[in-house]
Structures are given as structure tokens and as C-alpha cells.
PDB file of N, CA and C in Angstrom:
ATOM      1  N   MET A   1     -10.773  27.144  27.216  1.00  0.00           N
ATOM      2  CA  MET A   1      -9.516  27.083  26.484  1.00  0.00           C
ATOM      3  C   MET A   1      -8.631  28.277  26.849  1.00  0.00           C
ATOM      4  N   GLY A   2      -9.199  29.370  27.325  1.00  0.00           N
ATOM      5  CA  GLY A   2      -8.399  30.494  27.766  1.00  0.00           C
ATOM      6  C   GLY A   2      -7.943  31.435  26.671  1.00  0.00           C
ATOM      7  N   VAL A   3      -8.672  31.459  25.545  1.00  0.00           N
ATOM      8  CA  VAL A   3      -8.271  32.286  24.412  1.00  0.00           C
ATOM      9  C   VAL A   3      -9.409  33.233  24.046  1.00  0.00           C
ATOM     10  N   GLN A   4      -9.072  34.512  23.920  1.00  0.00           N
ATOM     11  CA  GLN A   4     -10.092  35.470  23.494  1.00  0.00           C
ATOM     12  C   GLN A   4     -10.107  35.556  21.970  1.00  0.00           C
ATOM     13  N   PHE A   5     -11.231  35.891  21.407  1.00  0.00           N
ATOM     14  CA  PHE A   5     -11.419  36.067  19.957  1.00  0.00           C
ATOM     15  C   PHE A   5     -11.235  34.781  19.159  1.00  0.00           C
ATOM     16  N   PHE A   6     -11.268  33.632  19.817  1.00  0.00           N
ATOM     17  CA  PHE A   6     -10.980  32.389  19.094  1.00  0.00           C
ATOM     18  C   PHE A   6     -11.754  31.267  19.752  1.00  0.00           C
ATOM     19  N   GLY A   7     -12.868  30.880  19.166  1.00  0.00           N
ATOM     20  CA  GLY A   7     -13.633  29.757  19.679  1.00  0.00           C
ATOM     21  C   GLY A   7     -13.191  28.487  18.982  1.00  0.00           C
ATOM     22  N   GLU A   8     -13.048  27.425  19.727  1.00  0.00           N
ATOM     23  CA  GLU A   8     -12.545  26.191  19.141  1.00  0.00           C
ATOM     24  C   GLU A   8     -13.315  25.000  19.675  1.00  0.00           C
ATOM     25  N   CYS A   9     -13.570  24.049  18.789  1.00  0.00           N
ATOM     26  CA  CYS A   9     -14.207  22.792  19.173  1.00  0.00           C
ATOM     27  C   CYS A   9     -13.235  21.661  18.891  1.00  0.00           C
ATOM     28  N   VAL A  10     -13.110  20.770  19.834  1.00  0.00           N
ATOM     29  CA  VAL A  10     -12.249  19.601  19.695  1.00  0.00           C
ATOM     30  C   VAL A  10     -13.045  18.404  20.201  1.00  0.00           C
ATOM     31  N   PHE A  11     -13.077  17.361  19.403  1.00  0.00           N
ATOM     32  CA  PHE A  11     -13.833  16.167  19.757  1.00  0.00           C
ATOM     33  C   PHE A  11     -12.950  14.942  19.609  1.00  0.00           C
ATOM     34  N   LEU A  12     -13.198  13.944  20.425  1.00  0.00           N
ATOM     35  CA  LEU A  12     -12.549  12.651  20.264  1.00  0.00           C
ATOM     36  C   LEU A  12     -13.619  11.646  19.862  1.00  0.00           C
ATOM     37  N   HIS A  13     -13.436  11.042  18.702  1.00  0.00           N
ATOM     38  CA  HIS A  13     -14.316   9.959  18.264  1.00  0.00           C
ATOM     39  C   HIS A  13     -13.600   8.664  18.599  1.00  0.00           C
ATOM     40  N   ARG A  14     -13.983   8.092  19.734  1.00  0.00           N
ATOM     41  CA  ARG A  14     -13.254   6.931  20.271  1.00  0.00           C
ATOM     42  C   ARG A  14     -13.270   5.736  19.328  1.00  0.00           C
ATOM     43  N   ALA A  15     -14.408   5.483  18.694  1.00  0.00           N
ATOM     44  CA  ALA A  15     -14.522   4.289  17.848  1.00  0.00           C
ATOM     45  C   ALA A  15     -13.496   4.299  16.708  1.00  0.00           C
ATOM     46  N   SER A  16     -13.223   5.474  16.139  1.00  0.00           N
ATOM     47  CA  SER A  16     -12.262   5.552  15.036  1.00  0.00           C
ATOM     48  C   SER A  16     -10.903   6.074  15.486  1.00  0.00           C
ATOM     49  N   ARG A  17     -10.778   6.355  16.805  1.00  0.00           N
ATOM     50  CA  ARG A  17      -9.543   6.900  17.363  1.00  0.00           C
ATOM     51  C   ARG A  17      -9.118   8.161  16.610  1.00  0.00           C
ATOM     52  N   SER A  18     -10.101   9.052  16.395  1.00  0.00           N
ATOM     53  CA  SER A  18      -9.877  10.278  15.637  1.00  0.00           C
ATOM     54  C   SER A  18     -10.107  11.503  16.497  1.00  0.00           C
ATOM     55  N   LEU A  19      -9.160  12.421  16.454  1.00  0.00           N
ATOM     56  CA  LEU A  19      -9.315  13.731  17.061  1.00  0.00           C
ATOM     57  C   LEU A  19      -9.849  14.642  15.971  1.00  0.00           C
ATOM     58  N   ILE A  20     -10.958  15.295  16.253  1.00  0.00           N
ATOM     59  CA  ILE A  20     -11.596  16.167  15.263  1.00  0.00           C
ATOM     60  C   ILE A  20     -11.489  17.596  15.776  1.00  0.00           C
ATOM     61  N   VAL A  21     -10.862  18.462  14.980  1.00  0.00           N
ATOM     62  CA  VAL A  21     -10.662  19.857  15.386  1.00  0.00           C
ATOM     63  C   VAL A  21     -11.237  20.790  14.321  1.00  0.00           C
ATOM     64  N   THR A  22     -11.601  21.980  14.751  1.00  0.00           N
ATOM     65  CA  THR A  22     -12.105  22.946  13.780  1.00  0.00           C
ATOM     66  C   THR A  22     -10.964  23.815  13.273  1.00  0.00           C
ATOM     67  N   ASP A  23     -10.560  24.836  14.003  1.00  0.00           N
ATOM     68  CA  ASP A  23      -9.563  25.771  13.481  1.00  0.00           C
ATOM     69  C   ASP A  23      -8.187  25.699  14.121  1.00  0.00           C
ATOM     70  N   SER A  24      -8.057  25.124  15.287  1.00  0.00           N
ATOM     71  CA  SER A  24      -6.780  25.221  16.005  1.00  0.00           C
ATOM     72  C   SER A  24      -5.635  24.501  15.311  1.00  0.00           C
ATOM     73  N   VAL A  25      -5.914  23.428  14.597  1.00  0.00           N
ATOM     74  CA  VAL A  25      -4.895  22.699  13.856  1.00  0.00           C
ATOM     75  C   VAL A  25      -5.277  22.728  12.386  1.00  0.00           C
ATOM     76  N   GLN A  26      -4.296  23.045  11.550  1.00  0.00           N
ATOM     77  CA  GLN A  26      -4.558  23.136  10.116  1.00  0.00           C
ATOM     78  C   GLN A  26      -3.473  22.400   9.352  1.00  0.00           C
ATOM     79  N   ASN A  27      -3.827  21.923   8.165  1.00  0.00           N
ATOM     80  CA  ASN A  27      -2.892  21.158   7.339  1.00  0.00           C
ATOM     81  C   ASN A  27      -2.906  21.726   5.928  1.00  0.00           C
ATOM     82  N   HIS A  28      -1.965  22.592   5.654  1.00  0.00           N
ATOM     83  CA  HIS A  28      -1.888  23.252   4.345  1.00  0.00           C
ATOM     84  C   HIS A  28      -0.785  22.629   3.493  1.00  0.00           C
ATOM     85  N   THR A  29      -0.836  21.315   3.337  1.00  0.00           N
ATOM     86  CA  THR A  29       0.183  20.620   2.554  1.00  0.00           C
ATOM     87  C   THR A  29      -0.382  20.050   1.265  1.00  0.00           C
ATOM     88  N   GLY A  30      -1.606  20.414   0.939  1.00  0.00           N
ATOM     89  CA  GLY A  30      -2.265  19.883  -0.252  1.00  0.00           C
ATOM     90  C   GLY A  30      -1.779  20.521  -1.527  1.00  0.00           C
ATOM     91  N   PRO A  31      -2.599  20.455  -2.571  1.00  0.00           N
ATOM     92  CA  PRO A  31      -2.216  21.010  -3.874  1.00  0.00           C
ATOM     93  C   PRO A  31      -1.947  22.514  -3.774  1.00  0.00           C
ATOM     94  N   THR A  32      -1.064  22.973  -4.628  1.00  0.00           N
ATOM     95  CA  THR A  32      -0.751  24.397  -4.628  1.00  0.00           C
ATOM     96  C   THR A  32      -1.882  25.196  -5.251  1.00  0.00           C
ATOM     97  N   HIS A  33      -1.994  26.436  -4.815  1.00  0.00           N
ATOM     98  CA  HIS A  33      -3.030  27.319  -5.339  1.00  0.00           C
ATOM     99  C   HIS A  33      -2.607  27.877  -6.691  1.00  0.00           C
ATOM    100  N   ARG A  34      -3.598  28.356  -7.434  1.00  0.00           N
ATOM    101  CA  ARG A  34      -3.335  28.981  -8.732  1.00  0.00           C
ATOM    102  C   ARG A  34      -4.009  30.338  -8.783  1.00  0.00           C
ATOM    103  N   GLY A  35      -3.541  31.185  -9.661  1.00  0.00           N
ATOM    104  CA  GLY A  35      -4.167  32.485  -9.874  1.00  0.00           C
ATOM    105  C   GLY A  35      -4.137  33.358  -8.633  1.00  0.00           C
ATOM    106  N   PHE A  36      -5.275  34.009  -8.357  1.00  0.00           N
ATOM    107  CA  PHE A  36      -5.367  34.914  -7.220  1.00  0.00           C
ATOM    108  C   PHE A  36      -5.117  34.187  -5.909  1.00  0.00           C
ATOM    109  N   GLY A  37      -5.555  32.931  -5.802  1.00  0.00           N
ATOM    110  CA  GLY A  37      -5.327  32.143  -4.592  1.00  0.00           C
ATOM    111  C   GLY A  37      -3.843  31.971  -4.306  1.00  0.00           C
ATOM    112  N   ALA A  38      -3.035  31.792  -5.356  1.00  0.00           N
ATOM    113  CA  ALA A  38      -1.586  31.656  -5.184  1.00  0.00           C
ATOM    114  C   ALA A  38      -0.979  32.954  -4.674  1.00  0.00           C
ATOM    115  N   ILE A  39      -1.439  34.067  -5.200  1.00  0.00           N
ATOM    116  CA  ILE A  39      -0.932  35.376  -4.766  1.00  0.00           C
ATOM    117  C   ILE A  39      -1.308  35.618  -3.310  1.00  0.00           C
ATOM    118  N   LEU A  40      -2.570  35.386  -2.984  1.00  0.00           N
ATOM    119  CA  LEU A  40      -3.043  35.568  -1.614  1.00  0.00           C
ATOM    120  C   LEU A  40      -2.273  34.671  -0.652  1.00  0.00           C
ATOM    121  N   ASN A  41      -2.065  33.435  -1.051  1.00  0.00           N
ATOM    122  CA  ASN A  41      -1.345  32.478  -0.217  1.00  0.00           C
ATOM    123  C   ASN A  41       0.093  32.934   0.020  1.00  0.00           C
ATOM    124  N   LYS A  42       0.777  33.338  -1.034  1.00  0.00           N
ATOM    125  CA  LYS A  42       2.191  33.715  -0.928  1.00  0.00           C
ATOM    126  C   LYS A  42       2.403  35.028  -0.179  1.00  0.00           C
ATOM    127  N   LEU A  43       1.567  36.014  -0.430  1.00  0.00           N
ATOM    128  CA  LEU A  43       1.785  37.337   0.150  1.00  0.00           C
ATOM    129  C   LEU A  43       1.144  37.542   1.513  1.00  0.00           C
ATOM    130  N   MET A  44       0.100  36.758   1.821  1.00  0.00           N
ATOM    131  CA  MET A  44      -0.610  37.013   3.068  1.00  0.00           C
ATOM    132  C   MET A  44      -0.652  35.808   4.002  1.00  0.00           C
ATOM    133  N   LEU A  45      -1.145  34.694   3.512  1.00  0.00           N
ATOM    134  CA  LEU A  45      -1.379  33.547   4.391  1.00  0.00           C
ATOM    135  C   LEU A  45      -0.092  32.894   4.890  1.00  0.00           C
ATOM    136  N   GLN A  46       0.846  32.605   3.994  1.00  0.00           N
ATOM    137  CA  GLN A  46       2.086  31.963   4.433  1.00  0.00           C
ATOM    138  C   GLN A  46       2.892  32.833   5.396  1.00  0.00           C
ATOM    139  N   PRO A  47       3.060  34.133   5.140  1.00  0.00           N
ATOM    140  CA  PRO A  47       3.787  34.952   6.121  1.00  0.00           C
ATOM    141  C   PRO A  47       3.119  34.981   7.497  1.00  0.00           C
ATOM    142  N   LEU A  48       1.803  34.809   7.547  1.00  0.00           N
ATOM    143  CA  LEU A  48       1.096  34.773   8.827  1.00  0.00           C
ATOM    144  C   LEU A  48       1.252  33.429   9.534  1.00  0.00           C
ATOM    145  N   GLY A  49       1.747  32.423   8.813  1.00  0.00           N
ATOM    146  CA  GLY A  49       1.970  31.115   9.429  1.00  0.00           C
ATOM    147  C   GLY A  49       1.029  30.025   8.959  1.00  0.00           C
ATOM    148  N   PHE A  50       0.179  30.314   7.983  1.00  0.00           N
ATOM    149  CA  PHE A  50      -0.729  29.304   7.445  1.00  0.00           C
ATOM    150  C   PHE A  50       0.015  28.498   6.380  1.00  0.00           C
ATOM    151  N   LYS A  51       0.875  27.586   6.830  1.00  0.00           N
ATOM    152  CA  LYS A  51       1.591  26.734   5.888  1.00  0.00           C
ATOM    153  C   LYS A  51       1.935  25.422   6.568  1.00  0.00           C
ATOM    154  N   ASN A  52       2.007  24.389   5.762  1.00  0.00           N
ATOM    155  CA  ASN A  52       2.290  23.040   6.246  1.00  0.00           C
ATOM    156  C   ASN A  52       1.293  22.646   7.341  1.00  0.00           C
ATOM    157  N   ILE A  53       1.681  21.728   8.212  1.00  0.00           N
ATOM    158  CA  ILE A  53       0.831  21.359   9.343  1.00  0.00           C
ATOM    159  C   ILE A  53       1.157  22.352  10.450  1.00  0.00           C
ATOM    160  N   CYS A  54       0.143  23.080  10.908  1.00  0.00           N
ATOM    161  CA  CYS A  54       0.426  24.156  11.857  1.00  0.00           C
ATOM    162  C   CYS A  54      -0.703  24.314  12.864  1.00  0.00           C
ATOM    163  N   VAL A  55      -0.353  24.964  13.955  1.00  0.00           N
ATOM    164  CA  VAL A  55      -1.367  25.418  14.894  1.00  0.00           C
ATOM    165  C   VAL A  55      -1.843  26.756  14.339  1.00  0.00           C
ATOM    166  N   ALA A  56      -3.102  27.067  14.503  1.00  0.00           N
ATOM    167  CA  ALA A  56      -3.648  28.306  13.952  1.00  0.00           C
ATOM    168  C   ALA A  56      -2.800  29.498  14.392  1.00  0.00           C
ATOM    169  N   PRO A  57      -2.331  30.309  13.454  1.00  0.00           N
ATOM    170  CA  PRO A  57      -1.458  31.434  13.788  1.00  0.00           C
ATOM    171  C   PRO A  57      -1.954  32.341  14.914  1.00  0.00           C
ATOM    172  N   PRO A  58      -3.257  32.610  15.083  1.00  0.00           N
ATOM    173  CA  PRO A  58      -3.646  33.455  16.214  1.00  0.00           C
ATOM    174  C   PRO A  58      -3.215  32.882  17.570  1.00  0.00           C
ATOM    175  N   LEU A  59      -3.095  31.573  17.663  1.00  0.00           N
ATOM    176  CA  LEU A  59      -2.698  30.955  18.932  1.00  0.00           C
ATOM    177  C   LEU A  59      -1.224  31.177  19.251  1.00  0.00           C
ATOM    178  N   ARG A  60      -0.473  31.708  18.304  1.00  0.00           N
ATOM    179  CA  ARG A  60       0.945  32.003  18.525  1.00  0.00           C
ATOM    180  C   ARG A  60       1.157  33.383  19.144  1.00  0.00           C
ATOM    181  N   LEU A  61       0.091  34.165  19.270  1.00  0.00           N
ATOM    182  CA  LEU A  61       0.192  35.537  19.763  1.00  0.00           C
ATOM    183  C   LEU A  61      -0.161  35.603  21.238  1.00  0.00           C
ATOM    184  N   LYS A  62       0.722  36.140  22.037  1.00  0.00           N
ATOM    185  CA  LYS A  62       0.475  36.236  23.482  1.00  0.00           C
ATOM    186  C   LYS A  62      -0.771  37.047  23.800  1.00  0.00           C
ATOM    187  N   MET A  63      -1.086  38.052  22.974  1.00  0.00           N
ATOM    188  CA  MET A  63      -2.256  38.881  23.262  1.00  0.00           C
ATOM    189  C   MET A  63      -3.561  38.110  23.074  1.00  0.00           C
ATOM    190  N   VAL A  64      -3.521  37.000  22.371  1.00  0.00           N
ATOM    191  CA  VAL A  64      -4.723  36.206  22.131  1.00  0.00           C
ATOM    192  C   VAL A  64      -4.967  35.213  23.260  1.00  0.00           C
ATOM    193  N   VAL A  65      -3.891  34.639  23.807  1.00  0.00           N
ATOM    194  CA  VAL A  65      -4.018  33.657  24.890  1.00  0.00           C
ATOM    195  C   VAL A  65      -4.226  34.433  26.189  1.00  0.00           C
ATOM    196  N   LYS A  66      -5.480  34.535  26.589  1.00  0.00           N
ATOM    197  CA  LYS A  66      -5.865  35.325  27.760  1.00  0.00           C
ATOM    198  C   LYS A  66      -5.500  34.634  29.071  1.00  0.00           C
ATOM    199  N   ASN A  67      -5.639  33.320  29.091  1.00  0.00           N
ATOM    200  CA  ASN A  67      -5.381  32.560  30.311  1.00  0.00           C
ATOM    201  C   ASN A  67      -4.421  31.405  29.981  1.00  0.00           C
ATOM    202  N   PRO A  68      -3.106  31.647  30.084  1.00  0.00           N
ATOM    203  CA  PRO A  68      -2.137  30.603  29.726  1.00  0.00           C
ATOM    204  C   PRO A  68      -2.311  29.306  30.507  1.00  0.00           C
ATOM    205  N   ASP A  69      -2.692  29.400  31.791  1.00  0.00           N
ATOM    206  CA  ASP A  69      -2.886  28.173  32.582  1.00  0.00           C
ATOM    207  C   ASP A  69      -4.029  27.334  32.026  1.00  0.00           C
ATOM    208  N   ALA A  70      -5.134  27.991  31.658  1.00  0.00           N
ATOM    209  CA  ALA A  70      -6.270  27.270  31.074  1.00  0.00           C
ATOM    210  C   ALA A  70      -5.890  26.663  29.727  1.00  0.00           C
ATOM    211  N   MET A  71      -5.112  27.394  28.953  1.00  0.00           N
ATOM    212  CA  MET A  71      -4.680  26.894  27.649  1.00  0.00           C
ATOM    213  C   MET A  71      -3.767  25.695  27.812  1.00  0.00           C
ATOM    214  N   ARG A  72      -2.823  25.775  28.752  1.00  0.00           N
ATOM    215  CA  ARG A  72      -1.922  24.638  29.015  1.00  0.00           C
ATOM    216  C   ARG A  72      -2.723  23.402  29.431  1.00  0.00           C
ATOM    217  N   ALA A  73      -3.698  23.594  30.311  1.00  0.00           N
ATOM    218  CA  ALA A  73      -4.525  22.471  30.779  1.00  0.00           C
ATOM    219  C   ALA A  73      -5.323  21.869  29.622  1.00  0.00           C
ATOM    220  N   PHE A  74      -5.854  22.731  28.762  1.00  0.00           N
ATOM    221  CA  PHE A  74      -6.613  22.275  27.591  1.00  0.00           C
ATOM    222  C   PHE A  74      -5.714  21.439  26.674  1.00  0.00           C
ATOM    223  N   VAL A  75      -4.525  21.940  26.371  1.00  0.00           N
ATOM    224  CA  VAL A  75      -3.606  21.236  25.477  1.00  0.00           C
ATOM    225  C   VAL A  75      -3.200  19.895  26.093  1.00  0.00           C
ATOM    226  N   LYS A  76      -2.874  19.882  27.380  1.00  0.00           N
ATOM    227  CA  LYS A  76      -2.492  18.622  28.056  1.00  0.00           C
ATOM    228  C   LYS A  76      -3.622  17.601  28.011  1.00  0.00           C
ATOM    229  N   ARG A  77      -4.842  18.079  28.264  1.00  0.00           N
ATOM    230  CA  ARG A  77      -5.998  17.177  28.263  1.00  0.00           C
ATOM    231  C   ARG A  77      -6.177  16.559  26.880  1.00  0.00           C
ATOM    232  N   VAL A  78      -6.128  17.364  25.847  1.00  0.00           N
ATOM    233  CA  VAL A  78      -6.313  16.849  24.484  1.00  0.00           C
ATOM    234  C   VAL A  78      -5.176  15.890  24.118  1.00  0.00           C
ATOM    235  N   GLN A  79      -3.950  16.243  24.473  1.00  0.00           N
ATOM    236  CA  GLN A  79      -2.817  15.372  24.153  1.00  0.00           C
ATOM    237  C   GLN A  79      -2.886  14.031  24.875  1.00  0.00           C
ATOM    238  N   SER A  80      -3.601  13.971  25.980  1.00  0.00           N
ATOM    239  CA  SER A  80      -3.711  12.710  26.731  1.00  0.00           C
ATOM    240  C   SER A  80      -4.732  11.750  26.117  1.00  0.00           C
ATOM    241  N   TRP A  81      -5.564  12.247  25.221  1.00  0.00           N
ATOM    242  CA  TRP A  81      -6.574  11.395  24.609  1.00  0.00           C
ATOM    243  C   TRP A  81      -5.922  10.365  23.702  1.00  0.00           C
ATOM    244  N   ASP A  82      -6.626   9.253  23.485  1.00  0.00           N
ATOM    245  CA  ASP A  82      -6.120   8.137  22.695  1.00  0.00           C
ATOM    246  C   ASP A  82      -6.611   8.269  21.249  1.00  0.00           C
ATOM    247  N   PHE A  83      -5.736   8.777  20.366  1.00  0.00           N
ATOM    248  CA  PHE A  83      -6.118   8.953  18.960  1.00  0.00           C
ATOM    249  C   PHE A  83      -4.935   8.614  18.052  1.00  0.00           C
ATOM    250  N   ASP A  84      -5.266   8.245  16.813  1.00  0.00           N
ATOM    251  CA  ASP A  84      -4.263   7.906  15.800  1.00  0.00           C
ATOM    252  C   ASP A  84      -4.270   8.871  14.631  1.00  0.00           C
ATOM    253  N   ARG A  85      -5.317   9.689  14.535  1.00  0.00           N
ATOM    254  CA  ARG A  85      -5.410  10.632  13.417  1.00  0.00           C
ATOM    255  C   ARG A  85      -6.039  11.911  13.912  1.00  0.00           C
ATOM    256  N   VAL A  86      -5.749  12.987  13.169  1.00  0.00           N
ATOM    257  CA  VAL A  86      -6.358  14.281  13.453  1.00  0.00           C
ATOM    258  C   VAL A  86      -7.109  14.698  12.196  1.00  0.00           C
ATOM    259  N   ILE A  87      -8.413  14.889  12.357  1.00  0.00           N
ATOM    260  CA  ILE A  87      -9.249  15.344  11.248  1.00  0.00           C
ATOM    261  C   ILE A  87      -9.425  16.847  11.409  1.00  0.00           C
ATOM    262  N   VAL A  88      -8.990  17.592  10.396  1.00  0.00           N
ATOM    263  CA  VAL A  88      -9.014  19.052  10.447  1.00  0.00           C
ATOM    264  C   VAL A  88     -10.025  19.593   9.445  1.00  0.00           C
ATOM    265  N   THR A  89     -10.531  20.790   9.704  1.00  0.00           N
ATOM    266  CA  THR A  89     -11.442  21.399   8.740  1.00  0.00           C
ATOM    267  C   THR A  89     -10.691  22.155   7.656  1.00  0.00           C
ATOM    268  N   HIS A  90      -9.408  22.420   7.886  1.00  0.00           N
ATOM    269  CA  HIS A  90      -8.583  23.134   6.913  1.00  0.00           C
ATOM    270  C   HIS A  90      -7.433  22.240   6.487  1.00  0.00           C
ATOM    271  N   GLY A  91      -7.651  21.452   5.434  1.00  0.00           N
ATOM    272  CA  GLY A  91      -6.592  20.602   4.904  1.00  0.00           C
ATOM    273  C   GLY A  91      -6.887  19.122   5.030  1.00  0.00           C
ATOM    274  N   ASP A  92      -5.864  18.347   4.754  1.00  0.00           N
ATOM    275  CA  ASP A  92      -5.986  16.897   4.745  1.00  0.00           C
ATOM    276  C   ASP A  92      -5.877  16.304   6.148  1.00  0.00           C
ATOM    277  N   VAL A  93      -6.443  15.123   6.306  1.00  0.00           N
ATOM    278  CA  VAL A  93      -6.366  14.378   7.565  1.00  0.00           C
ATOM    279  C   VAL A  93      -4.897  14.097   7.879  1.00  0.00           C
ATOM    280  N   ILE A  94      -4.541  14.217   9.140  1.00  0.00           N
ATOM    281  CA  ILE A  94      -3.190  13.885   9.594  1.00  0.00           C
ATOM    282  C   ILE A  94      -3.276  12.491  10.195  1.00  0.00           C
ATOM    283  N   ASP A  95      -2.711  11.508   9.490  1.00  0.00           N
ATOM    284  CA  ASP A  95      -2.845  10.136   9.971  1.00  0.00           C
ATOM    285  C   ASP A  95      -1.508   9.411  10.106  1.00  0.00           C
ATOM    286  N   VAL A  96      -0.420  10.130   9.992  1.00  0.00           N
ATOM    287  CA  VAL A  96       0.910   9.564  10.227  1.00  0.00           C
ATOM    288  C   VAL A  96       1.496  10.263  11.444  1.00  0.00           C
ATOM    289  N   ASP A  97       1.768   9.495  12.490  1.00  0.00           N
ATOM    290  CA  ASP A  97       2.324  10.044  13.734  1.00  0.00           C
ATOM    291  C   ASP A  97       1.518  11.230  14.255  1.00  0.00           C
ATOM    292  N   ALA A  98       0.201  11.117  14.229  1.00  0.00           N
ATOM    293  CA  ALA A  98      -0.683  12.236  14.575  1.00  0.00           C
ATOM    294  C   ALA A  98      -0.431  12.779  15.981  1.00  0.00           C
ATOM    295  N   LYS A  99      -0.230  11.910  16.946  1.00  0.00           N
ATOM    296  CA  LYS A  99       0.022  12.395  18.326  1.00  0.00           C
ATOM    297  C   LYS A  99       1.318  13.186  18.401  1.00  0.00           C
ATOM    298  N   ALA A 100       2.369  12.693  17.756  1.00  0.00           N
ATOM    299  CA  ALA A 100       3.654  13.389  17.763  1.00  0.00           C
ATOM    300  C   ALA A 100       3.546  14.718  17.015  1.00  0.00           C
ATOM    301  N   VAL A 101       2.811  14.737  15.925  1.00  0.00           N
ATOM    302  CA  VAL A 101       2.613  15.968  15.167  1.00  0.00           C
ATOM    303  C   VAL A 101       1.882  16.996  16.024  1.00  0.00           C
ATOM    304  N   LEU A 102       0.825  16.564  16.698  1.00  0.00           N
ATOM    305  CA  LEU A 102       0.076  17.484  17.553  1.00  0.00           C
ATOM    306  C   LEU A 102       0.964  18.035  18.666  1.00  0.00           C
ATOM    307  N   GLU A 103       1.744  17.178  19.285  1.00  0.00           N
ATOM    308  CA  GLU A 103       2.634  17.633  20.352  1.00  0.00           C
ATOM    309  C   GLU A 103       3.644  18.661  19.836  1.00  0.00           C
ATOM    310  N   ARG A 104       4.202  18.409  18.668  1.00  0.00           N
ATOM    311  CA  ARG A 104       5.201  19.307  18.088  1.00  0.00           C
ATOM    312  C   ARG A 104       4.608  20.671  17.764  1.00  0.00           C
ATOM    313  N   ILE A 105       3.456  20.696  17.125  1.00  0.00           N
ATOM    314  CA  ILE A 105       2.904  21.994  16.729  1.00  0.00           C
ATOM    315  C   ILE A 105       2.333  22.761  17.919  1.00  0.00           C
ATOM    316  N   CYS A 106       1.899  22.057  18.954  1.00  0.00           N
ATOM    317  CA  CYS A 106       1.372  22.751  20.142  1.00  0.00           C
ATOM    318  C   CYS A 106       2.472  23.499  20.903  1.00  0.00           C
ATOM    319  N   GLN A 107       3.717  23.162  20.651  1.00  0.00           N
ATOM    320  CA  GLN A 107       4.813  23.884  21.270  1.00  0.00           C
ATOM    321  C   GLN A 107       4.887  25.329  20.775  1.00  0.00           C
ATOM    322  N   LYS A 108       4.221  25.632  19.677  1.00  0.00           N
ATOM    323  CA  LYS A 108       4.233  26.990  19.128  1.00  0.00           C
ATOM    324  C   LYS A 108       3.130  27.873  19.704  1.00  0.00           C
ATOM    325  N   ILE A 109       2.256  27.297  20.534  1.00  0.00           N
ATOM    326  CA  ILE A 109       1.189  28.091  21.161  1.00  0.00           C
ATOM    327  C   ILE A 109       1.821  29.006  22.203  1.00  0.00           C
ATOM    328  N   ALA A 110       1.354  30.230  22.264  1.00  0.00           N
ATOM    329  CA  ALA A 110       1.918  31.234  23.162  1.00  0.00           C
ATOM    330  C   ALA A 110       1.437  31.021  24.596  1.00  0.00           C
ATOM    331  N   ILE A 111       1.989  29.980  25.249  1.00  0.00           N
ATOM    332  CA  ILE A 111       1.628  29.717  26.644  1.00  0.00           C
ATOM    333  C   ILE A 111       2.866  29.615  27.505  1.00  0.00           C
TER     334      ILE A 111
END
């Protein structure tokens, strides 16, 4: 993938046409946090970029993407796969225009 300090797993489950990702894609559009979680979210996580449907904020930093060519090839390969939904470990499943959503958020990767 060409990224230091960031290991990522991406799988295609062909039978269900699902892209399964661990940390690179996140969906923080669920219920709002309360109490300390709300404070942490507002003061730390959202300013770092952990909001809405997003690519993991570390991938937006040029110092993290060690090999831009490898990262570009990885993103192109994943985008070429045949899927209708993205299953993320952080947030809700993305099942509306999943390919277009993935393409849009990958534009924020520092490559």
C-alpha cells in the first residue's frame, strides 16, 4: 500500500459484492455521542477529520504516504473491483453509491 505506520486490510467478498475495509475508510454518520464521548469527538476527533464518511485522516498526511506510486496503484486496484457496498469497521455500512463514495473520499489521500 506504500504507507508507513498504517497497516490496512481490504477484501472483496464477490458473492455479496461487498468491499470490506478495516481502518482506511470510516463512516461517522451514526448517532451523536454523549457525555465525555461528545467532548472528545468535538474537540479532538472531528478537527482531525474523523467525521462523516471519510478516508482515515492519517492517509491525508504526506509524511505518512511513503510510496505515492504504490498507494495510487493500490487505490486504482481497489476501485476497479466490482462492489455495491463498503463494510467498514468504524461506522455504518455504506450501501448507497458506494463506488462513487469511495472514489470521492480517495481523492483526499495524500498521493
